[in-house]
Amino acid sequence: MTAGHLRECNAQGVVRLTLTIKKMVDLLIESDTKSLDEPRWIIDGKRNYGFAHGMAGIAYSLAQFQRIAEDIRIRRLLTEITEFYETTYTPSGWPKSPDNDERWMAWCHGLPGILLSLLEIGMIYPRAIELATHCSESMESACTWPPHCLCHGSLSAIWAYEALFRITGIPNYRAIAKNACKLIVSAQYNRNVHVQTWRNDRSIEGDASLMTGGTGLAYLILEINHNLPLMFSLE
């Protein structure tokens, strides 16, 4: 929850919130277990790797703060986190936690969310961008796997490829994102099209929400085609 609040405060960029943000940063750093071989924060009793419920989201928020106000503690921590993700990466991504070897292809738990975190860290520590670029090679096939939502499915991979394009300027990343969106839209209009699934589930019919429903696809298409700010970014 603290990391989420930190991101919201960062996005507002209001000077009078600086002290509040600093207190949140201090809390996150104080709760760091400083583990070098497991995710560093314990959340609800678990050391999760991913963005929504784990270390990647905390690192993303700290990296955003570092872009606003230099803190040597954060710089050191982000370097160590990048090195941790580098040494624990496999072609199938990262597990949910040391106690759960499920390897999701999702924003909440999995490679796309961690890749987004690495790109933000890369604004401070460029090695993280190199790692994100390398990891993206394992993600392309997931861009059309249901469920088609930002939190749990294909849209998180597309989101990550668009972020890669904006950071690196490599046209192929945007081409992957655009092509995947077209395929998903076509499949939605032709229910007879067979699309491989990775988690054997689909988005709930009629769900119009941002993270688990149709609004996520709509906004993602607008982001890519009209260069709108990426979600959770400081653009």
Protein backbone atom coordinates (compact mmCIF):
# COMPACT_ATOMS: atom_id res chain seq x y z
CA MET A 1 0.00 0.00 0.00
CA THR A 2 2.86 2.37 0.79
CA ALA A 3 4.39 1.81 -2.66
CA GLY A 4 1.05 2.58 -4.29
CA HIS A 5 0.69 5.81 -2.32
CA LEU A 6 4.26 6.75 -3.22
CA ARG A 7 3.53 6.36 -6.93
CA GLU A 8 0.42 8.52 -6.67
CA CYS A 9 2.30 11.26 -4.84
CA ASN A 10 5.12 11.15 -7.37
CA ALA A 11 2.70 11.49 -10.24
CA GLN A 12 1.21 14.66 -8.79
CA GLY A 13 4.61 16.33 -8.57
CA VAL A 14 3.43 18.68 -5.82
CA VAL A 15 6.23 20.21 -3.79
CA ARG A 16 4.25 20.25 -0.54
CA LEU A 17 3.99 16.45 -0.68
CA THR A 18 7.76 15.97 -0.69
CA LEU A 19 8.01 15.36 3.06
CA THR A 20 5.16 12.85 2.96
CA ILE A 21 6.80 11.03 0.07
CA LYS A 22 10.11 11.01 1.93
CA LYS A 23 8.46 9.37 4.94
CA MET A 24 7.03 6.68 2.68
CA VAL A 25 10.45 6.10 1.15
CA ASP A 26 11.94 5.76 4.63
CA LEU A 27 9.28 3.19 5.55
CA LEU A 28 10.00 1.14 2.45
CA ILE A 29 13.73 1.23 3.02
CA GLU A 30 13.33 0.36 6.72
CA SER A 31 11.18 -2.66 5.83
CA ASP A 32 13.74 -3.92 3.30
CA THR A 33 15.07 -7.26 4.57
CA LYS A 34 18.24 -6.75 2.50
CA SER A 35 18.08 -10.31 1.20
CA LEU A 36 20.29 -10.85 -1.86
CA ASP A 37 18.88 -14.25 -2.87
CA GLU A 38 15.12 -13.68 -2.39
CA PRO A 39 12.71 -10.76 -2.97
CA ARG A 40 13.53 -8.18 -0.34
CA TRP A 41 10.08 -7.23 1.01
CA ILE A 42 7.65 -9.47 2.87
CA ILE A 43 4.04 -8.68 1.92
CA ASP A 44 1.26 -10.64 3.62
CA GLY A 45 3.85 -13.16 4.68
CA LYS A 46 5.22 -13.71 1.16
CA ARG A 47 8.28 -12.58 -0.74
CA ASN A 48 6.71 -11.98 -4.14
CA TYR A 49 8.71 -11.17 -7.25
CA GLY A 50 6.04 -9.34 -9.24
CA PHE A 51 4.63 -5.86 -9.66
CA ALA A 52 1.19 -5.78 -8.05
CA HIS A 53 2.01 -7.64 -4.85
CA GLY A 54 5.77 -7.74 -4.68
CA MET A 55 9.25 -6.32 -5.08
CA ALA A 56 8.92 -5.10 -8.69
CA GLY A 57 6.18 -2.61 -7.81
CA ILE A 58 8.11 -1.27 -4.83
CA ALA A 59 11.25 -0.88 -6.94
CA TYR A 60 9.22 0.92 -9.63
CA SER A 61 7.91 3.42 -7.09
CA LEU A 62 11.33 4.01 -5.55
CA ALA A 63 12.80 4.57 -9.01
CA GLN A 64 10.14 7.19 -9.71
CA PHE A 65 11.03 8.97 -6.47
CA GLN A 66 14.71 8.84 -7.36
CA ARG A 67 13.95 10.72 -10.58
CA ILE A 68 12.49 13.53 -8.45
CA ALA A 69 14.88 13.62 -5.50
CA GLU A 70 18.29 11.94 -5.32
CA ASP A 71 18.70 9.41 -2.50
CA ILE A 72 21.90 7.37 -2.41
CA ARG A 73 20.10 4.59 -0.51
CA ILE A 74 17.65 4.13 -3.37
CA ARG A 75 20.37 4.18 -6.01
CA ARG A 76 22.23 1.39 -4.22
CA LEU A 77 19.05 -0.60 -3.65
CA LEU A 78 17.94 -0.39 -7.30
CA THR A 79 21.34 -1.63 -8.42
CA GLU A 80 21.08 -4.64 -6.13
CA ILE A 81 17.49 -5.37 -7.23
CA THR A 82 18.52 -5.30 -10.89
CA GLU A 83 21.36 -7.70 -10.17
CA PHE A 84 18.93 -9.98 -8.31
CA TYR A 85 16.50 -10.11 -11.24
CA GLU A 86 19.39 -10.71 -13.63
CA THR A 87 20.76 -13.68 -11.72
CA THR A 88 17.33 -15.27 -11.12
CA TYR A 89 15.93 -14.82 -14.66
CA THR A 90 15.04 -17.89 -16.75
CA PRO A 91 13.46 -18.04 -20.25
CA SER A 92 10.11 -18.72 -18.56
CA GLY A 93 10.44 -15.62 -16.41
CA TRP A 94 10.34 -15.52 -12.64
CA PRO A 95 8.23 -17.49 -10.13
CA LYS A 96 5.51 -15.81 -8.09
CA SER A 97 7.57 -16.31 -4.94
CA PRO A 98 10.31 -18.62 -3.60
CA ASP A 99 7.52 -20.87 -2.30
CA ASN A 100 5.42 -20.85 -5.48
CA ASP A 101 7.11 -21.75 -8.78
CA GLU A 102 4.12 -20.77 -10.97
CA ARG A 103 5.45 -18.54 -13.75
CA TRP A 104 2.75 -16.18 -14.90
CA MET A 105 2.92 -14.05 -18.03
CA ALA A 106 1.13 -11.11 -16.41
CA TRP A 107 1.52 -7.63 -15.00
CA CYS A 108 0.49 -8.58 -11.47
CA HIS A 109 2.78 -11.62 -11.14
CA GLY A 110 5.24 -12.26 -13.91
CA LEU A 111 7.56 -11.12 -16.64
CA PRO A 112 5.61 -8.16 -18.14
CA GLY A 113 5.23 -6.38 -14.81
CA ILE A 114 8.84 -7.00 -13.81
CA LEU A 115 9.96 -5.77 -17.24
CA LEU A 116 8.01 -2.52 -16.73
CA SER A 117 9.74 -2.12 -13.37
CA LEU A 118 13.17 -2.71 -14.91
CA LEU A 119 12.51 -0.05 -17.55
CA GLU A 120 11.72 2.48 -14.82
CA ILE A 121 14.82 1.45 -12.86
CA GLY A 122 16.73 1.90 -16.10
CA MET A 123 16.13 5.63 -15.93
CA ILE A 124 18.49 5.52 -12.94
CA TYR A 125 20.60 2.45 -13.65
CA PRO A 126 20.89 1.80 -17.44
CA ARG A 127 21.89 -1.84 -16.98
CA ALA A 128 18.26 -2.54 -16.09
CA ILE A 129 17.16 -1.51 -19.62
CA GLU A 130 19.62 -3.99 -21.11
CA LEU A 131 18.15 -6.71 -18.90
CA ALA A 132 14.58 -5.75 -19.86
CA THR A 133 15.47 -5.90 -23.55
CA HIS A 134 16.97 -9.36 -23.10
CA CYS A 135 13.98 -10.64 -21.11
CA SER A 136 11.49 -9.38 -23.71
CA GLU A 137 12.57 -12.14 -26.09
CA SER A 138 10.60 -14.60 -23.95
CA MET A 139 7.38 -12.56 -24.03
CA GLU A 140 6.28 -12.06 -27.67
CA SER A 141 4.17 -15.21 -27.97
CA ALA A 142 2.16 -14.16 -24.88
CA CYS A 143 0.84 -11.01 -26.60
CA THR A 144 -2.25 -12.81 -27.88
CA TRP A 145 -2.89 -15.35 -25.12
CA PRO A 146 -6.20 -14.90 -23.26
CA PRO A 147 -7.31 -13.56 -20.92
CA HIS A 148 -7.14 -10.26 -22.76
CA CYS A 149 -6.62 -7.93 -19.84
CA LEU A 150 -3.91 -5.70 -18.40
CA CYS A 151 -3.62 -7.36 -15.03
CA HIS A 152 -3.59 -11.08 -15.80
CA GLY A 153 -3.03 -11.54 -19.51
CA SER A 154 -1.95 -10.60 -22.99
CA LEU A 155 -2.40 -6.84 -22.68
CA SER A 156 0.31 -6.67 -20.03
CA ALA A 157 2.82 -8.03 -22.54
CA ILE A 158 1.66 -5.53 -25.17
CA TRP A 159 1.94 -2.74 -22.59
CA ALA A 160 5.52 -3.81 -21.86
CA TYR A 161 6.46 -3.84 -25.56
CA GLU A 162 5.07 -0.32 -26.02
CA ALA A 163 7.10 0.80 -23.02
CA LEU A 164 10.19 -0.83 -24.53
CA PHE A 165 9.62 1.10 -27.75
CA ARG A 166 9.30 4.41 -25.93
CA ILE A 167 12.49 3.82 -23.93
CA THR A 168 14.70 2.30 -26.66
CA GLY A 169 13.17 3.73 -29.84
CA ILE A 170 13.40 0.30 -31.52
CA PRO A 171 10.48 0.20 -34.05
CA ASN A 172 10.03 -3.57 -33.83
CA TYR A 173 8.72 -3.30 -30.28
CA ARG A 174 5.87 -1.03 -31.33
CA ALA A 175 5.20 -3.23 -34.36
CA ILE A 176 4.77 -6.23 -32.04
CA ALA A 177 2.37 -4.24 -29.84
CA LYS A 178 0.27 -2.96 -32.77
CA ASN A 179 0.05 -6.35 -34.47
CA ALA A 180 -1.01 -8.07 -31.26
CA CYS A 181 -3.79 -5.50 -30.70
CA LYS A 182 -5.10 -6.12 -34.22
CA LEU A 183 -5.12 -9.89 -33.69
CA ILE A 184 -6.96 -9.57 -30.38
CA VAL A 185 -9.60 -7.24 -31.82
CA SER A 186 -10.10 -9.61 -34.77
CA ALA A 187 -10.48 -12.58 -32.43
CA GLN A 188 -13.08 -10.72 -30.36
CA TYR A 189 -15.20 -10.26 -33.47
CA ASN A 190 -14.71 -13.85 -34.62
CA ARG A 191 -15.37 -16.19 -31.73
CA ASN A 192 -14.48 -19.20 -33.92
CA VAL A 193 -10.83 -18.15 -34.00
CA HIS A 194 -8.80 -20.45 -31.77
CA VAL A 195 -6.30 -18.57 -29.61
CA GLN A 196 -3.81 -20.36 -27.37
CA THR A 197 -4.32 -19.82 -23.66
CA TRP A 198 -1.63 -19.80 -21.00
CA ARG A 199 -3.81 -19.98 -17.91
CA ASN A 200 -6.92 -21.66 -19.33
CA ASP A 201 -9.22 -18.77 -18.52
CA ARG A 202 -10.70 -15.77 -20.28
CA SER A 203 -11.78 -12.29 -19.38
CA ILE A 204 -15.22 -12.17 -17.80
CA GLU A 205 -17.86 -11.29 -20.39
CA GLY A 206 -19.12 -7.78 -19.88
CA ASP A 207 -16.22 -6.66 -17.68
CA ALA A 208 -15.57 -3.03 -18.62
CA SER A 209 -12.86 -2.29 -16.05
CA LEU A 210 -9.37 -0.99 -16.78
CA MET A 211 -7.22 -3.77 -15.35
CA THR A 212 -9.37 -6.84 -16.02
CA GLY A 213 -11.75 -5.74 -18.77
CA GLY A 214 -12.38 -4.09 -22.10
CA THR A 215 -11.39 -0.56 -21.08
CA GLY A 216 -7.80 -1.75 -20.76
CA LEU A 217 -7.71 -2.81 -24.41
CA ALA A 218 -9.32 0.44 -25.53
CA TYR A 219 -6.87 2.59 -23.61
CA LEU A 220 -3.90 0.50 -24.75
CA ILE A 221 -4.88 0.99 -28.40
CA LEU A 222 -5.18 4.74 -27.80
CA GLU A 223 -1.80 4.81 -26.05
CA ILE A 224 -0.07 3.11 -28.95
CA ASN A 225 -1.76 4.98 -31.78
CA HIS A 226 -1.86 8.46 -30.25
CA ASN A 227 1.21 8.40 -27.96
CA LEU A 228 -0.85 8.91 -24.82
CA PRO A 229 1.00 8.61 -21.50
CA LEU A 230 1.53 5.03 -20.41
CA MET A 231 -0.33 3.99 -17.29
CA PHE A 232 1.58 4.54 -14.04
CA SER A 233 4.21 6.62 -15.84
CA LEU A 234 5.59 10.08 -15.07
CA GLU A 235 5.14 11.24 -18.68
